[in-house]
C-alpha atoms as a PDB file:
ATOM      1  CA  MET A   1     205.248 -11.603  13.028  1.00  0.00           C
ATOM      2  CA  MET A   2     207.211  -8.427  13.293  1.00  0.00           C
ATOM      3  CA  ASP A   3     205.429  -5.709  16.424  1.00  0.00           C
ATOM      4  CA  SER A   4     204.634  -2.553  14.450  1.00  0.00           C
ATOM      5  CA  PHE A   5     207.694  -0.030  16.314  1.00  0.00           C
ATOM      6  CA  ARG A   6     210.202  -2.156  14.147  1.00  0.00           C
ATOM      7  CA  ILE A   7     208.126  -2.093  11.256  1.00  0.00           C
ATOM      8  CA  ASP A   8     207.633   1.804  11.497  1.00  0.00           C
ATOM      9  CA  GLU A   9     211.396   2.327  13.071  1.00  0.00           C
ATOM     10  CA  ILE A  10     213.106   0.642   9.842  1.00  0.00           C
ATOM     11  CA  ALA A  11     210.524   2.871   7.398  1.00  0.00           C
ATOM     12  CA  ARG A  12     211.926   5.726   8.755  1.00  0.00           C
ATOM     13  CA  ARG A  13     215.625   4.779   8.844  1.00  0.00           C
ATOM     14  CA  LEU A  14     214.571   4.004   4.889  1.00  0.00           C
ATOM     15  CA  LEU A  15     212.758   7.358   4.405  1.00  0.00           C
ATOM     16  CA  ASP A  16     216.348   8.907   6.031  1.00  0.00           C
ATOM     17  CA  SER A  17     218.714   7.485   3.727  1.00  0.00           C
ATOM     18  CA  VAL A  18     215.838   8.725   0.292  1.00  0.00           C
ATOM     19  CA  PRO A  19     218.123  11.866  -0.475  1.00  0.00           C
ATOM     20  CA  PRO A  20     216.468  14.730   0.408  1.00  0.00           C
ATOM     21  CA  ALA A  21     214.944  16.289  -3.099  1.00  0.00           C
ATOM     22  CA  LEU A  22     213.144  13.195  -3.197  1.00  0.00           C
ATOM     23  CA  ARG A  23     211.485  13.717   0.657  1.00  0.00           C
ATOM     24  CA  THR A  24     209.132  16.257  -0.297  1.00  0.00           C
ATOM     25  CA  ILE A  25     206.975  12.639  -1.195  1.00  0.00           C
ATOM     26  CA  SER A  26     208.167  11.238   2.056  1.00  0.00           C
ATOM     27  CA  LYS A  27     204.539  10.596   3.131  1.00  0.00           C
ATOM     28  CA  ASP A  28     204.245   8.810   0.675  1.00  0.00           C
ATOM     29  CA  LEU A  29     207.376   7.015   0.435  1.00  0.00           C
ATOM     30  CA  GLU A  30     206.822   6.398   4.139  1.00  0.00           C
ATOM     31  CA  THR A  31     203.803   4.083   3.198  1.00  0.00           C
ATOM     32  CA  ASN A  32     204.708   2.097   0.448  1.00  0.00           C
ATOM     33  CA  PHE A  33     208.151   0.917   2.975  1.00  0.00           C
ATOM     34  CA  ARG A  34     205.542  -0.078   5.758  1.00  0.00           C
ATOM     35  CA  ALA A  35     203.569  -1.937   3.341  1.00  0.00           C
ATOM     36  CA  VAL A  36     206.641  -3.835   1.187  1.00  0.00           C
ATOM     37  CA  LEU A  37     207.836  -4.206   4.205  1.00  0.00           C
ATOM     38  CA  ARG A  38     204.821  -5.262   6.128  1.00  0.00           C
ATOM     39  CA  SER A  39     204.704  -7.758   2.835  1.00  0.00           C
ATOM     40  CA  SER A  40     207.595  -9.698   2.561  1.00  0.00           C
ATOM     41  CA  LEU A  41     207.717 -10.160   7.211  1.00  0.00           C
ATOM     42  CA  GLY A  42     204.536 -11.349   6.267  1.00  0.00           C
ATOM     43  CA  LYS A  43     205.404 -13.740   4.286  1.00  0.00           C
ATOM     44  CA  LEU A  44     208.259 -15.247   6.193  1.00  0.00           C
ATOM     45  CA  ASP A  45     208.110 -18.195   8.732  1.00  0.00           C
ATOM     46  CA  LEU A  46     208.426 -16.271  12.013  1.00  0.00           C
ATOM     47  CA  VAL A  47     207.970 -15.933  15.573  1.00  0.00           C
ATOM     48  CA  THR A  48     207.574 -13.626  18.261  1.00  0.00           C
ATOM     49  CA  ARG A  49     210.251 -13.076  21.370  1.00  0.00           C
ATOM     50  CA  ASP A  50     207.850 -14.127  23.549  1.00  0.00           C
ATOM     51  CA  GLU A  51     206.820 -17.106  21.407  1.00  0.00           C
ATOM     52  CA  PHE A  52     210.025 -17.890  21.585  1.00  0.00           C
ATOM     53  CA  ASP A  53     211.337 -17.848  24.586  1.00  0.00           C
ATOM     54  CA  THR A  54     207.997 -19.728  25.498  1.00  0.00           C
ATOM     55  CA  GLN A  55     208.808 -22.829  23.179  1.00  0.00           C
ATOM     56  CA  THR A  56     212.779 -22.088  24.725  1.00  0.00           C
ATOM     57  CA  ARG A  57     211.356 -23.018  28.393  1.00  0.00           C
ATOM     58  CA  VAL A  58     209.449 -26.242  26.722  1.00  0.00           C
ATOM     59  CA  LEU A  59     212.297 -27.351  25.547  1.00  0.00           C
ATOM     60  CA  GLU A  60     215.038 -27.516  29.039  1.00  0.00           C
ATOM     61  CA  ARG A  61     211.491 -28.974  30.774  1.00  0.00           C
ATOM     62  CA  THR A  62     211.126 -31.255  28.537  1.00  0.00           C
ATOM     63  CA  ARG A  63     215.265 -31.907  27.798  1.00  0.00           C
ATOM     64  CA  ALA A  64     215.182 -32.165  31.874  1.00  0.00           C
ATOM     65  CA  ARG A  65     212.667 -34.918  32.337  1.00  0.00           C
ATOM     66  CA  LEU A  66     214.015 -37.118  29.696  1.00  0.00           C
ATOM     67  CA  ALA A  67     217.761 -36.766  31.302  1.00  0.00           C
ATOM     68  CA  GLU A  68     215.440 -37.844  34.635  1.00  0.00           C
ATOM     69  CA  LEU A  69     213.961 -40.719  32.913  1.00  0.00           C
ATOM     70  CA  GLU A  70     216.538 -41.890  30.950  1.00  0.00           C
ATOM     71  CA  ALA A  71     218.747 -41.713  34.828  1.00  0.00           C
ATOM     72  CA  ARG A  72     215.168 -43.894  36.303  1.00  0.00           C
ATOM     73  CA  LEU A  73     215.486 -46.546  33.416  1.00  0.00           C
ATOM     74  CA  GLN A  74     219.726 -47.640  33.525  1.00  0.00           C
ATOM     75  CA  ALA A  75     218.771 -47.861  37.654  1.00  0.00           C
ATOM     76  CA  LEU A  76     215.772 -49.947  36.716  1.00  0.00           C
ATOM     77  CA  GLU A  77     218.072 -51.763  33.810  1.00  0.00           C
ATOM     78  CA  GLY A  78     220.862 -52.580  36.973  1.00  0.00           C
ATOM     79  CA  ALA A  79     218.419 -53.539  39.335  1.00  0.00           C
ATOM     80  CA  SER A  80     217.130 -55.526  36.889  1.00  0.00           C
ATOM     81  CA  ALA A  81     220.025 -57.235  36.168  1.00  0.00           C
ATOM     82  CA  GLY A  82     221.445 -57.744  39.707  1.00  0.00           C
ATOM     83  CA  ALA A  83     218.020 -59.228  39.948  1.00  0.00           C
ATOM     84  CA  ALA A  84     219.001 -62.219  37.119  1.00  0.00           C
ATOM     85  CA  PRO A  85     219.987 -65.962  37.933  1.00  0.00           C
ATOM     86  CA  ALA A  86     223.576 -66.271  37.822  1.00  0.00           C
ATOM     87  CA  ASP A  87     223.592 -69.784  35.996  1.00  0.00           C
ATOM     88  CA  THR A  88     221.079 -69.819  32.967  1.00  0.00           C
ATOM     89  CA  GLY A  89     221.958 -72.751  31.090  1.00  0.00           C
ATOM     90  CA  ALA A  90     220.249 -76.002  29.819  1.00  0.00           C
ATOM     91  CA  GLY A  91     221.680 -78.487  32.815  1.00  0.00           C
ATOM     92  CA  SER A  92     220.523 -77.027  35.404  1.00  0.00           C
ATOM     93  CA  VAL A  93     216.899 -77.537  37.084  1.00  0.00           C
ATOM     94  CA  PRO A  94     215.512 -75.696  40.178  1.00  0.00           C
ATOM     95  CA  PRO A  95     215.720 -77.016  43.463  1.00  0.00           C
ATOM     96  CA  ASP A  96     211.819 -77.616  43.929  1.00  0.00           C
ATOM     97  CA  VAL A  97     211.946 -79.738  41.026  1.00  0.00           C
ATOM     98  CA  PRO A  98     211.967 -83.841  41.898  1.00  0.00           C
ATOM     99  CA  ARG A  99     215.363 -85.617  40.460  1.00  0.00           C
ATOM    100  CA  GLY A 100     215.093 -88.273  38.984  1.00  0.00           C
ATOM    101  CA  ASN A 101     216.987 -91.254  40.950  1.00  0.00           C
END
C-alpha cells in the first residue's frame, strides 16, 4: 500500500488547488481528501517498492538458475548423444552373442 507520506503530499497538493475562498474549511477538505485517497488506493492491487524490489531480485536469481540448468541439460544431452552406439539397426548382432553357423 502507498505510504502515508505520499498520501499526505497528494492531499496537500489537492488542497493547494482549492480556491482561496474555500480554504477556510481546509482542515475538513484535507481530512476528506486523505480519506478518499486512502479508500481509492486501498482498492488497488498495489505493492510497496521494497516488495517489488525483492520480487525483482528473486526473479533475477530464478532466471540465472534456469539458464544454468538449461546449459547443464544441453551438456548432458550432448554427452549422451556422443555415447550412443552408432549403428542400432535390427540386423546387427552384439559381439558377445554367438552366431548361428
